[in-house]
């Protein structure tokens, strides 16, 4: 026996050695902190992230169809109402993956395929970075083109 081991033992009346103090190693938790519990991300969270990321792309005029934009513009004018960043975005979120459908309106004169590619790349990067979910697909529907001489469909405010 080593000197240290002998110092940690004491003699019993029967002449045997008994540990002076026993230290039990207590293992707390069940492994790495990242594996303790579950994180769930709501569809609305992913929709907000994707909506903001899509709007950041040059050439995207608005999100959603004509009806949803008109309805949203009216809702935005109601006191207490707020702009809907999820307009034109639908997400399906699983435990580790998500799929997105986006409906956009582009500005006249832009290359639609290039805008769609830029939206897809920006949305995937933002969602994967912020949520850790794998984006398996981003479907983009271009529902309208905003012409330079067209007015926005938002109603005029009654109070200036």
Protein backbone atom coordinates (compact mmCIF):
# COMPACT_ATOMS: atom_id res chain seq x y z
CA UNK A 1 0.00 0.00 0.00
CA UNK A 2 1.20 3.52 -0.67
CA UNK A 3 1.93 5.98 2.11
CA UNK A 4 -1.06 8.13 1.09
CA UNK A 5 -3.41 5.14 1.22
CA UNK A 6 -2.10 4.20 4.66
CA UNK A 7 -2.65 7.72 5.94
CA UNK A 8 -6.30 7.62 4.84
CA UNK A 9 -6.96 4.44 6.83
CA UNK A 10 -7.33 3.88 10.54
CA UNK A 11 -7.03 0.72 12.59
CA UNK A 12 -10.22 -0.96 13.81
CA UNK A 13 -10.34 -2.72 17.17
CA UNK A 14 -10.23 -6.04 15.32
CA UNK A 15 -6.94 -5.02 13.73
CA UNK A 16 -8.29 -4.42 10.21
CA UNK A 17 -7.97 -1.25 8.25
CA UNK A 18 -11.03 0.89 7.67
CA UNK A 19 -11.21 3.96 5.47
CA UNK A 20 -10.99 7.16 7.48
CA UNK A 21 -13.23 9.05 5.08
CA UNK A 22 -14.89 7.87 1.95
CA UNK A 23 -15.47 10.30 -0.83
CA UNK A 24 -18.07 9.28 -3.33
CA UNK A 25 -17.84 10.89 -6.71
CA UNK A 26 -21.23 12.40 -7.36
CA UNK A 27 -22.02 12.79 -11.00
CA UNK A 28 -24.56 15.54 -11.43
CA UNK A 29 -26.84 15.74 -14.42
CA UNK A 30 -26.86 13.28 -17.22
CA UNK A 31 -24.00 14.34 -19.42
CA UNK A 32 -23.17 17.46 -21.33
CA UNK A 33 -25.46 20.44 -20.66
CA UNK A 34 -26.49 20.52 -24.33
CA UNK A 35 -28.07 17.07 -23.96
CA UNK A 36 -30.16 17.87 -20.88
CA UNK A 37 -33.62 18.69 -22.14
CA UNK A 38 -35.31 19.68 -25.37
CA UNK A 39 -35.62 22.92 -27.25
CA UNK A 40 -38.66 23.44 -29.43
CA UNK A 41 -38.99 26.31 -31.88
CA UNK A 42 -42.44 27.48 -32.90
CA UNK A 43 -43.39 27.85 -36.55
CA UNK A 44 -43.97 31.57 -35.97
CA UNK A 45 -40.39 32.10 -34.82
CA UNK A 46 -38.99 30.59 -38.01
CA UNK A 47 -41.54 32.56 -40.07
CA UNK A 48 -40.41 35.86 -38.51
CA UNK A 49 -36.73 35.10 -39.10
CA UNK A 50 -37.40 34.09 -42.72
CA UNK A 51 -39.66 37.10 -43.36
CA UNK A 52 -37.06 39.58 -42.13
CA UNK A 53 -34.27 37.84 -44.05
CA UNK A 54 -36.30 37.86 -47.28
CA UNK A 55 -37.16 41.55 -46.96
CA UNK A 56 -33.44 42.37 -46.66
CA UNK A 57 -32.80 41.27 -50.24
CA UNK A 58 -32.56 44.01 -52.85
CA UNK A 59 -35.37 43.64 -55.38
CA UNK A 60 -37.98 42.32 -52.94
CA UNK A 61 -40.72 44.94 -52.81
CA UNK A 62 -43.16 43.18 -50.47
CA UNK A 63 -44.21 39.83 -49.09
CA UNK A 64 -47.53 38.06 -49.61
CA UNK A 65 -50.30 38.13 -52.18
CA UNK A 66 -52.26 41.23 -53.13
CA UNK A 67 -55.14 40.37 -50.79
CA UNK A 68 -52.93 39.62 -47.81
CA UNK A 69 -50.97 42.84 -48.37
CA UNK A 70 -54.17 44.90 -48.56
CA UNK A 71 -55.62 43.25 -45.48
CA UNK A 72 -52.30 43.64 -43.66
CA UNK A 73 -52.06 47.32 -44.59
CA UNK A 74 -55.49 47.94 -43.09
CA UNK A 75 -54.56 45.97 -39.96
CA UNK A 76 -51.32 47.95 -39.65
CA UNK A 77 -53.32 51.20 -39.50
CA UNK A 78 -55.46 50.03 -36.58
CA UNK A 79 -54.25 51.47 -33.27
CA UNK A 80 -52.31 48.81 -31.43
CA UNK A 81 -51.75 46.85 -34.63
CA UNK A 82 -48.25 46.09 -35.78
CA UNK A 83 -46.65 45.23 -39.08
CA UNK A 84 -46.72 41.53 -39.76
CA UNK A 85 -43.26 40.29 -40.61
CA UNK A 86 -44.69 36.83 -41.22
CA UNK A 87 -46.91 37.96 -44.10
CA UNK A 88 -46.16 35.78 -47.12
CA UNK A 89 -44.20 33.18 -45.11
CA UNK A 90 -45.29 29.68 -44.11
CA UNK A 91 -42.99 27.37 -42.15
CA UNK A 92 -43.23 23.72 -41.23
CA UNK A 93 -40.91 23.02 -38.31
CA UNK A 94 -39.85 19.58 -37.16
CA UNK A 95 -37.40 18.59 -34.43
CA UNK A 96 -34.26 19.12 -36.51
CA UNK A 97 -35.47 20.36 -39.91
CA UNK A 98 -37.71 23.03 -41.37
CA UNK A 99 -39.25 23.77 -44.78
CA UNK A 100 -40.40 27.21 -45.90
CA UNK A 101 -42.81 28.63 -48.47
CA UNK A 102 -42.44 32.31 -49.35
CA UNK A 103 -44.63 34.54 -51.49
CA UNK A 104 -42.90 37.69 -52.70
CA UNK A 105 -43.49 40.74 -54.86
CA UNK A 106 -40.45 41.91 -56.81
CA UNK A 107 -39.56 45.33 -58.18
CA UNK A 108 -39.89 45.80 -61.93
CA UNK A 109 -36.62 45.41 -63.80
CA UNK A 110 -34.85 42.97 -61.49
CA UNK A 111 -33.80 39.50 -62.59
CA UNK A 112 -36.42 37.40 -60.82
CA UNK A 113 -34.30 34.23 -60.80
CA UNK A 114 -31.40 36.12 -59.18
CA UNK A 115 -33.66 37.73 -56.58
CA UNK A 116 -35.20 34.35 -55.76
CA UNK A 117 -31.73 32.80 -55.40
CA UNK A 118 -30.58 35.64 -53.13
CA UNK A 119 -33.74 35.34 -51.01
CA UNK A 120 -33.25 31.58 -50.71
CA UNK A 121 -29.60 31.96 -49.66
CA UNK A 122 -30.33 34.76 -47.16
CA UNK A 123 -33.27 32.92 -45.60
CA UNK A 124 -31.37 29.64 -45.26
CA UNK A 125 -28.36 31.36 -43.69
CA UNK A 126 -30.46 33.33 -41.20
CA UNK A 127 -32.73 30.45 -40.14
CA UNK A 128 -29.92 27.91 -39.79
CA UNK A 129 -27.69 30.34 -37.89
CA UNK A 130 -30.39 31.50 -35.46
CA UNK A 131 -32.27 28.26 -34.87
CA UNK A 132 -29.81 25.47 -35.57
CA UNK A 133 -32.47 23.78 -37.70
CA UNK A 134 -31.55 22.36 -41.09
CA UNK A 135 -33.51 24.12 -43.84
CA UNK A 136 -34.44 21.39 -46.29
CA UNK A 137 -36.24 23.58 -48.81
CA UNK A 138 -37.31 27.15 -49.50
CA UNK A 139 -40.06 27.41 -52.10
CA UNK A 140 -40.55 30.89 -53.53
CA UNK A 141 -43.65 32.05 -55.38
CA UNK A 142 -43.42 35.42 -57.11
CA UNK A 143 -47.00 36.68 -56.99
CA UNK A 144 -46.58 40.17 -58.47
CA UNK A 145 -44.21 42.75 -59.95
CA UNK A 146 -44.24 46.28 -58.58
CA UNK A 147 -44.21 48.71 -61.51
CA UNK A 148 -42.48 52.07 -61.05
CA UNK A 149 -45.65 54.09 -61.64
CA UNK A 150 -47.91 51.91 -59.47
CA UNK A 151 -48.95 53.19 -56.09
CA UNK A 152 -48.66 50.93 -53.10
CA UNK A 153 -51.89 49.25 -52.13
CA UNK A 154 -51.82 50.70 -48.64
CA UNK A 155 -54.74 53.02 -47.94
CA UNK A 156 -54.10 56.70 -47.24
CA UNK A 157 -54.23 57.54 -43.55
CA UNK A 158 -57.26 59.61 -42.62
CA UNK A 159 -55.31 61.63 -40.07
CA UNK A 160 -52.14 63.47 -40.98
